[in-house]
Amino acid sequence: METQTLQNPFEVLMSEIRLLRTELASLSGHIVSISDKEIFDTEQAAKIIGVHRNTLVQILRRGEIKAQRSGRKYIITREALDEFLAESKTTGRRPYRGH
């Protein structure tokens, strides 16, 4: 006859919490908080790169600037704008060419 030992539920829970904390600590270097990034809407971003808001929306739709959508609005990071401007400088291309 084998005897089973029942673990204290509190100890089991605390053990799981310790494991989760360890996993979270190892992942925390890969997580970027939105509060750590400078973000802009289309009006602000358009002013930064020197184009009209509608022109910026066309640039975003073509995927030339990386952005996230939140409903009907775009969320644009400073990093994405800087990348776009740097690429425009190196290619000599202006931020917009009409279709």
N, C-alpha and C. Protein backbone atom coordinates (compact mmCIF):
# COMPACT_ATOMS: atom_id res chain seq x y z
N MET A 1 0.83 -1.17 0.00
CA MET A 1 0.00 0.00 0.00
C MET A 1 0.89 1.25 0.00
N GLU A 2 0.72 2.10 -1.04
CA GLU A 2 1.50 3.32 -1.14
C GLU A 2 0.78 4.45 -0.44
N THR A 3 1.56 5.29 0.16
CA THR A 3 0.96 6.46 0.81
C THR A 3 1.24 7.68 -0.05
N GLN A 4 0.22 8.45 -0.26
CA GLN A 4 0.36 9.68 -1.00
C GLN A 4 0.47 10.82 -0.01
N THR A 5 1.39 11.70 -0.29
CA THR A 5 1.50 12.87 0.57
C THR A 5 0.80 14.02 -0.11
N LEU A 6 -0.06 14.64 0.62
CA LEU A 6 -0.77 15.80 0.10
C LEU A 6 0.03 17.05 0.39
N GLN A 7 0.20 17.85 -0.63
CA GLN A 7 0.94 19.09 -0.45
C GLN A 7 0.00 20.18 0.03
N ASN A 8 0.59 21.03 0.80
CA ASN A 8 -0.15 22.19 1.28
C ASN A 8 -0.46 23.07 0.06
N PRO A 9 -1.74 23.40 -0.18
CA PRO A 9 -2.10 24.23 -1.35
C PRO A 9 -1.36 25.58 -1.36
N PHE A 10 -1.12 26.14 -0.21
CA PHE A 10 -0.41 27.41 -0.12
C PHE A 10 1.02 27.25 -0.63
N GLU A 11 1.68 26.18 -0.24
CA GLU A 11 3.05 25.93 -0.69
C GLU A 11 3.11 25.70 -2.19
N VAL A 12 2.13 25.00 -2.73
CA VAL A 12 2.07 24.77 -4.18
C VAL A 12 1.92 26.10 -4.90
N LEU A 13 1.03 26.93 -4.42
CA LEU A 13 0.81 28.24 -5.02
C LEU A 13 2.06 29.11 -4.95
N MET A 14 2.72 29.12 -3.82
CA MET A 14 3.94 29.92 -3.66
C MET A 14 5.04 29.41 -4.59
N SER A 15 5.10 28.12 -4.77
CA SER A 15 6.09 27.54 -5.68
C SER A 15 5.82 27.99 -7.12
N GLU A 16 4.56 27.99 -7.52
CA GLU A 16 4.18 28.45 -8.86
C GLU A 16 4.50 29.94 -9.03
N ILE A 17 4.26 30.73 -8.03
CA ILE A 17 4.56 32.16 -8.09
C ILE A 17 6.05 32.38 -8.26
N ARG A 18 6.87 31.63 -7.54
CA ARG A 18 8.32 31.76 -7.69
C ARG A 18 8.76 31.42 -9.11
N LEU A 19 8.19 30.36 -9.69
CA LEU A 19 8.52 30.00 -11.07
C LEU A 19 8.13 31.10 -12.05
N LEU A 20 6.94 31.66 -11.86
CA LEU A 20 6.48 32.73 -12.74
C LEU A 20 7.35 33.98 -12.61
N ARG A 21 7.78 34.29 -11.41
CA ARG A 21 8.67 35.45 -11.20
C ARG A 21 10.00 35.24 -11.93
N THR A 22 10.51 34.03 -11.87
CA THR A 22 11.77 33.72 -12.55
C THR A 22 11.60 33.88 -14.06
N GLU A 23 10.50 33.36 -14.60
CA GLU A 23 10.25 33.48 -16.03
C GLU A 23 10.08 34.95 -16.43
N LEU A 24 9.34 35.70 -15.64
CA LEU A 24 9.12 37.12 -15.93
C LEU A 24 10.42 37.89 -15.90
N ALA A 25 11.28 37.60 -14.95
CA ALA A 25 12.57 38.28 -14.86
C ALA A 25 13.41 38.00 -16.10
N SER A 26 13.35 36.79 -16.62
CA SER A 26 14.13 36.47 -17.81
C SER A 26 13.57 37.13 -19.06
N LEU A 27 12.27 37.41 -19.07
CA LEU A 27 11.64 38.05 -20.22
C LEU A 27 11.67 39.57 -20.16
N SER A 28 11.86 40.14 -18.99
CA SER A 28 11.72 41.58 -18.84
C SER A 28 12.68 42.38 -19.71
N GLY A 29 13.79 41.82 -20.09
CA GLY A 29 14.71 42.51 -20.98
C GLY A 29 14.16 42.65 -22.39
N HIS A 30 13.16 41.86 -22.75
CA HIS A 30 12.59 41.87 -24.09
C HIS A 30 11.31 42.69 -24.17
N ILE A 31 10.80 43.12 -23.04
CA ILE A 31 9.54 43.86 -23.01
C ILE A 31 9.83 45.35 -23.01
N VAL A 32 9.18 46.07 -23.92
CA VAL A 32 9.35 47.52 -23.96
C VAL A 32 8.01 48.14 -23.59
N SER A 33 8.05 48.96 -22.59
CA SER A 33 6.84 49.63 -22.14
C SER A 33 6.51 50.77 -23.09
N ILE A 34 5.25 50.95 -23.39
CA ILE A 34 4.85 52.05 -24.25
C ILE A 34 5.21 53.39 -23.61
N SER A 35 5.27 53.43 -22.28
CA SER A 35 5.63 54.68 -21.60
C SER A 35 7.10 55.02 -21.80
N ASP A 36 7.91 54.05 -22.23
CA ASP A 36 9.32 54.29 -22.50
C ASP A 36 9.55 54.86 -23.89
N LYS A 37 8.52 54.89 -24.72
CA LYS A 37 8.66 55.35 -26.09
C LYS A 37 7.90 56.65 -26.28
N GLU A 38 8.47 57.50 -27.14
CA GLU A 38 7.81 58.74 -27.50
C GLU A 38 6.87 58.41 -28.65
N ILE A 39 5.56 58.67 -28.49
CA ILE A 39 4.59 58.33 -29.53
C ILE A 39 3.84 59.57 -29.98
N PHE A 40 3.36 59.50 -31.24
CA PHE A 40 2.68 60.64 -31.84
C PHE A 40 1.44 60.19 -32.60
N ASP A 41 0.50 61.13 -32.77
CA ASP A 41 -0.62 60.88 -33.66
C ASP A 41 -0.23 61.41 -35.04
N THR A 42 -1.13 61.34 -36.00
CA THR A 42 -0.77 61.73 -37.37
C THR A 42 -0.49 63.23 -37.49
N GLU A 43 -1.21 64.06 -36.77
CA GLU A 43 -0.97 65.51 -36.83
C GLU A 43 0.45 65.84 -36.37
N GLN A 44 0.82 65.28 -35.21
CA GLN A 44 2.14 65.56 -34.63
C GLN A 44 3.25 65.01 -35.53
N ALA A 45 3.07 63.78 -35.99
CA ALA A 45 4.10 63.14 -36.82
C ALA A 45 4.27 63.88 -38.14
N ALA A 46 3.17 64.36 -38.72
CA ALA A 46 3.24 65.09 -39.98
C ALA A 46 4.07 66.36 -39.82
N LYS A 47 3.90 67.06 -38.70
CA LYS A 47 4.68 68.27 -38.44
C LYS A 47 6.17 67.94 -38.31
N ILE A 48 6.46 66.82 -37.65
CA ILE A 48 7.86 66.44 -37.43
C ILE A 48 8.57 66.16 -38.76
N ILE A 49 7.90 65.46 -39.67
CA ILE A 49 8.58 65.15 -40.94
C ILE A 49 8.32 66.20 -42.02
N GLY A 50 7.49 67.19 -41.71
CA GLY A 50 7.31 68.31 -42.63
C GLY A 50 6.38 68.05 -43.80
N VAL A 51 5.32 67.29 -43.56
CA VAL A 51 4.33 67.05 -44.61
C VAL A 51 2.94 67.29 -44.05
N HIS A 52 1.96 67.38 -44.95
CA HIS A 52 0.56 67.52 -44.54
C HIS A 52 0.09 66.19 -43.95
N ARG A 53 -0.87 66.26 -43.06
CA ARG A 53 -1.40 65.07 -42.40
C ARG A 53 -1.89 64.03 -43.42
N ASN A 54 -2.58 64.47 -44.47
CA ASN A 54 -3.09 63.53 -45.48
C ASN A 54 -1.94 62.83 -46.21
N THR A 55 -0.86 63.55 -46.44
CA THR A 55 0.32 62.95 -47.07
C THR A 55 0.91 61.88 -46.16
N LEU A 56 0.98 62.19 -44.87
CA LEU A 56 1.50 61.21 -43.92
C LEU A 56 0.64 59.95 -43.92
N VAL A 57 -0.67 60.11 -43.95
CA VAL A 57 -1.56 58.93 -43.97
C VAL A 57 -1.28 58.07 -45.20
N GLN A 58 -1.03 58.70 -46.35
CA GLN A 58 -0.69 57.94 -47.55
C GLN A 58 0.64 57.19 -47.36
N ILE A 59 1.61 57.85 -46.74
CA ILE A 59 2.90 57.22 -46.47
C ILE A 59 2.71 56.01 -45.55
N LEU A 60 1.87 56.18 -44.53
CA LEU A 60 1.59 55.08 -43.59
C LEU A 60 0.91 53.92 -44.31
N ARG A 61 -0.04 54.22 -45.16
CA ARG A 61 -0.76 53.17 -45.89
C ARG A 61 0.16 52.38 -46.82
N ARG A 62 1.17 53.06 -47.36
CA ARG A 62 2.14 52.37 -48.23
C ARG A 62 3.15 51.58 -47.41
N GLY A 63 3.14 51.76 -46.10
CA GLY A 63 4.05 51.02 -45.24
C GLY A 63 5.45 51.59 -45.17
N GLU A 64 5.62 52.83 -45.59
CA GLU A 64 6.94 53.45 -45.58
C GLU A 64 7.36 53.87 -44.17
N ILE A 65 6.39 54.06 -43.30
CA ILE A 65 6.67 54.32 -41.89
C ILE A 65 5.93 53.25 -41.10
N LYS A 66 6.66 52.61 -40.19
CA LYS A 66 6.04 51.59 -39.35
C LYS A 66 5.14 52.27 -38.33
N ALA A 67 3.92 51.76 -38.19
CA ALA A 67 2.98 52.33 -37.23
C ALA A 67 1.99 51.26 -36.80
N GLN A 68 1.37 51.49 -35.68
CA GLN A 68 0.32 50.61 -35.18
C GLN A 68 -1.02 51.31 -35.34
N ARG A 69 -2.06 50.53 -35.54
CA ARG A 69 -3.40 51.09 -35.63
C ARG A 69 -4.13 50.84 -34.32
N SER A 70 -4.86 51.84 -33.91
CA SER A 70 -5.76 51.70 -32.76
C SER A 70 -7.10 52.21 -33.23
N GLY A 71 -7.95 51.29 -33.68
CA GLY A 71 -9.20 51.70 -34.30
C GLY A 71 -8.89 52.38 -35.62
N ARG A 72 -9.34 53.62 -35.76
CA ARG A 72 -9.08 54.38 -36.99
C ARG A 72 -7.83 55.25 -36.89
N LYS A 73 -7.20 55.26 -35.74
CA LYS A 73 -6.04 56.12 -35.52
C LYS A 73 -4.74 55.35 -35.66
N TYR A 74 -3.70 56.09 -36.02
CA TYR A 74 -2.36 55.52 -36.10
C TYR A 74 -1.57 55.94 -34.86
N ILE A 75 -0.71 55.05 -34.40
CA ILE A 75 0.22 55.34 -33.31
C ILE A 75 1.61 55.20 -33.91
N ILE A 76 2.35 56.31 -33.90
CA ILE A 76 3.64 56.36 -34.58
C ILE A 76 4.72 56.67 -33.55
N THR A 77 5.79 55.89 -33.54
CA THR A 77 6.86 56.11 -32.57
C THR A 77 7.91 57.06 -33.15
N ARG A 78 8.65 57.69 -32.26
CA ARG A 78 9.77 58.56 -32.66
C ARG A 78 10.78 57.73 -33.45
N GLU A 79 11.00 56.51 -33.00
CA GLU A 79 11.95 55.62 -33.66
C GLU A 79 11.56 55.39 -35.13
N ALA A 80 10.27 55.17 -35.39
CA ALA A 80 9.81 54.94 -36.76
C ALA A 80 10.01 56.19 -37.62
N LEU A 81 9.74 57.36 -37.04
CA LEU A 81 9.94 58.61 -37.78
C LEU A 81 11.42 58.83 -38.08
N ASP A 82 12.26 58.57 -37.08
CA ASP A 82 13.71 58.73 -37.28
C ASP A 82 14.23 57.80 -38.37
N GLU A 83 13.75 56.56 -38.39
CA GLU A 83 14.15 55.60 -39.42
C GLU A 83 13.74 56.10 -40.80
N PHE A 84 12.51 56.59 -40.91
CA PHE A 84 12.01 57.10 -42.19
C PHE A 84 12.83 58.28 -42.66
N LEU A 85 13.11 59.22 -41.76
CA LEU A 85 13.88 60.41 -42.13
C LEU A 85 15.31 60.05 -42.52
N ALA A 86 15.91 59.11 -41.80
CA ALA A 86 17.28 58.68 -42.12
C ALA A 86 17.31 58.03 -43.50
N GLU A 87 16.32 57.20 -43.79
CA GLU A 87 16.25 56.55 -45.09
C GLU A 87 16.04 57.57 -46.20
N SER A 88 15.22 58.57 -45.94
CA SER A 88 14.97 59.63 -46.93
C SER A 88 16.27 60.38 -47.23
N LYS A 89 17.09 60.61 -46.19
CA LYS A 89 18.36 61.32 -46.39
C LYS A 89 19.34 60.49 -47.19
N THR A 90 19.44 59.20 -46.87
CA THR A 90 20.43 58.36 -47.55
C THR A 90 20.04 58.07 -48.99
N THR A 91 18.75 58.00 -49.28
CA THR A 91 18.32 57.73 -50.65
C THR A 91 18.14 59.02 -51.44
N GLY A 92 18.13 60.14 -50.74
CA GLY A 92 17.91 61.42 -51.40
C GLY A 92 16.46 61.63 -51.80
N ARG A 93 15.62 60.72 -51.35
CA ARG A 93 14.20 60.77 -51.69
C ARG A 93 13.47 61.70 -50.74
N ARG A 94 12.62 62.52 -51.30
CA ARG A 94 11.79 63.38 -50.47
C ARG A 94 10.75 62.52 -49.76
N PRO A 95 10.21 63.00 -48.64
CA PRO A 95 9.23 62.19 -47.91
C PRO A 95 8.00 61.80 -48.72
N TYR A 96 7.68 62.53 -49.80
CA TYR A 96 6.48 62.18 -50.54
C TYR A 96 6.65 62.40 -52.02
N ARG A 97 6.19 61.45 -52.79
CA ARG A 97 6.06 61.62 -54.23
C ARG A 97 4.65 61.21 -54.59
N GLY A 98 3.96 62.08 -55.24
CA GLY A 98 2.57 61.79 -55.62
C GLY A 98 2.48 60.64 -56.59
N HIS A 99 1.32 60.00 -56.60
CA HIS A 99 1.09 58.88 -57.52
C HIS A 99 0.65 59.39 -58.86
